[in-house]
């Protein structure tokens, strides 16, 4: 239910509400399940990406990146996550890390 609410908030340009609702959805998962909630983390990372909150975008997108590359999680857009994480790295001034990620694509 939280996830659907976040999509509606985002569609109506209430980005801060979308971030808040998605954060609550992740919190409701609890610590153990929250670590495995890759799609919620991706959505939260993208909301922070859109808002140009690079440290928080990095936190969530990096979690998705690690999960996706462990081969324990199905995620159809692996290359996209790597590219987005590289963009965050460049925006944070981490050129070498961004270049390393780009080479993976």
Protein backbone atom coordinates (compact mmCIF):
# COMPACT_ATOMS: atom_id res chain seq x y z
CA UNK A 1 0.00 0.00 0.00
CA UNK A 2 2.86 2.38 0.81
CA UNK A 3 4.48 1.64 -2.54
CA UNK A 4 1.27 2.50 -4.43
CA UNK A 5 0.94 5.71 -2.42
CA UNK A 6 4.50 6.69 -3.29
CA UNK A 7 3.81 6.20 -7.01
CA UNK A 8 0.70 8.38 -6.79
CA UNK A 9 2.58 11.07 -4.88
CA UNK A 10 5.40 11.00 -7.43
CA UNK A 11 2.98 11.19 -10.36
CA UNK A 12 1.39 14.26 -8.79
CA UNK A 13 4.83 15.89 -8.30
CA UNK A 14 4.86 15.49 -4.52
CA UNK A 15 8.43 14.20 -4.50
CA UNK A 16 9.05 14.70 -0.78
CA UNK A 17 5.89 12.75 0.02
CA UNK A 18 6.92 10.00 -2.38
CA UNK A 19 10.29 9.73 -0.60
CA UNK A 20 8.60 9.69 2.79
CA UNK A 21 6.05 7.04 1.83
CA UNK A 22 8.67 4.80 0.20
CA UNK A 23 10.88 5.20 3.27
CA UNK A 24 7.96 4.10 5.44
CA UNK A 25 7.39 1.09 3.18
CA UNK A 26 11.05 0.13 3.60
CA UNK A 27 10.80 0.66 7.36
CA UNK A 28 7.69 -1.55 7.52
CA UNK A 29 9.73 -4.36 5.97
CA UNK A 30 11.95 -4.50 9.03
CA UNK A 31 15.71 -4.77 9.05
CA UNK A 32 16.05 -8.29 7.64
CA UNK A 33 13.47 -7.98 4.87
CA UNK A 34 14.43 -4.34 4.21
CA UNK A 35 17.88 -5.50 3.12
CA UNK A 36 16.20 -7.66 0.48
CA UNK A 37 13.67 -5.05 -0.70
CA UNK A 38 15.66 -4.22 -3.83
CA UNK A 39 12.82 -2.63 -5.79
CA UNK A 40 11.86 -0.32 -2.92
CA UNK A 41 15.50 0.68 -2.47
CA UNK A 42 15.80 1.30 -6.20
CA UNK A 43 12.72 3.50 -6.18
CA UNK A 44 13.96 5.42 -3.15
CA UNK A 45 17.38 5.81 -4.76
CA UNK A 46 15.80 7.17 -7.92
CA UNK A 47 13.65 9.65 -5.98
CA UNK A 48 16.81 10.96 -4.30
CA UNK A 49 18.55 10.94 -7.70
CA UNK A 50 15.78 13.09 -9.19
CA UNK A 51 16.00 15.43 -6.19
CA UNK A 52 19.82 15.55 -6.65
CA UNK A 53 20.40 14.32 -3.10
CA UNK A 54 23.55 12.48 -4.14
CA UNK A 55 24.62 10.93 -0.80
CA UNK A 56 21.21 9.35 -0.21
CA UNK A 57 20.90 8.33 -3.86
CA UNK A 58 24.31 6.67 -3.56
CA UNK A 59 23.31 4.86 -0.37
CA UNK A 60 20.22 3.26 -1.90
CA UNK A 61 21.51 2.69 -5.44
CA UNK A 62 24.71 1.15 -4.10
CA UNK A 63 22.65 -1.26 -2.00
CA UNK A 64 20.75 -2.24 -5.15
CA UNK A 65 24.01 -2.54 -7.11
CA UNK A 66 25.53 -4.88 -4.52
CA UNK A 67 22.36 -6.99 -4.33
CA UNK A 68 21.99 -7.23 -8.10
CA UNK A 69 25.62 -8.22 -8.61
CA UNK A 70 25.44 -10.96 -5.99
CA UNK A 71 23.29 -12.96 -8.46
CA UNK A 72 20.83 -13.75 -5.69
CA UNK A 73 18.35 -11.16 -6.89
CA UNK A 74 16.55 -10.88 -10.20
CA UNK A 75 16.64 -7.32 -11.48
CA UNK A 76 16.04 -6.80 -15.20
CA UNK A 77 17.94 -3.51 -15.49
CA UNK A 78 21.37 -4.34 -14.07
CA UNK A 79 23.26 -2.13 -16.50
CA UNK A 80 20.92 0.77 -15.79
CA UNK A 81 21.65 0.58 -12.05
CA UNK A 82 25.39 0.60 -12.74
CA UNK A 83 25.02 3.61 -15.05
CA UNK A 84 22.90 5.52 -12.54
CA UNK A 85 25.34 4.75 -9.74
CA UNK A 86 28.17 6.01 -11.96
CA UNK A 87 26.24 9.25 -12.56
CA UNK A 88 25.85 9.68 -8.80
CA UNK A 89 29.57 9.04 -8.30
CA UNK A 90 30.47 11.69 -10.90
CA UNK A 91 28.04 14.14 -9.28
CA UNK A 92 29.73 13.55 -5.92
CA UNK A 93 33.17 14.20 -7.42
CA UNK A 94 34.24 10.55 -7.28
CA UNK A 95 35.63 10.40 -10.82
CA UNK A 96 37.67 7.20 -10.47
CA UNK A 97 34.78 5.26 -8.96
CA UNK A 98 32.46 6.58 -11.70
CA UNK A 99 34.89 5.50 -14.41
CA UNK A 100 35.26 2.06 -12.86
CA UNK A 101 31.49 1.64 -12.89
CA UNK A 102 31.28 2.83 -16.51
CA UNK A 103 33.81 0.18 -17.55
CA UNK A 104 31.47 -2.48 -16.18
CA UNK A 105 28.76 -1.42 -18.60
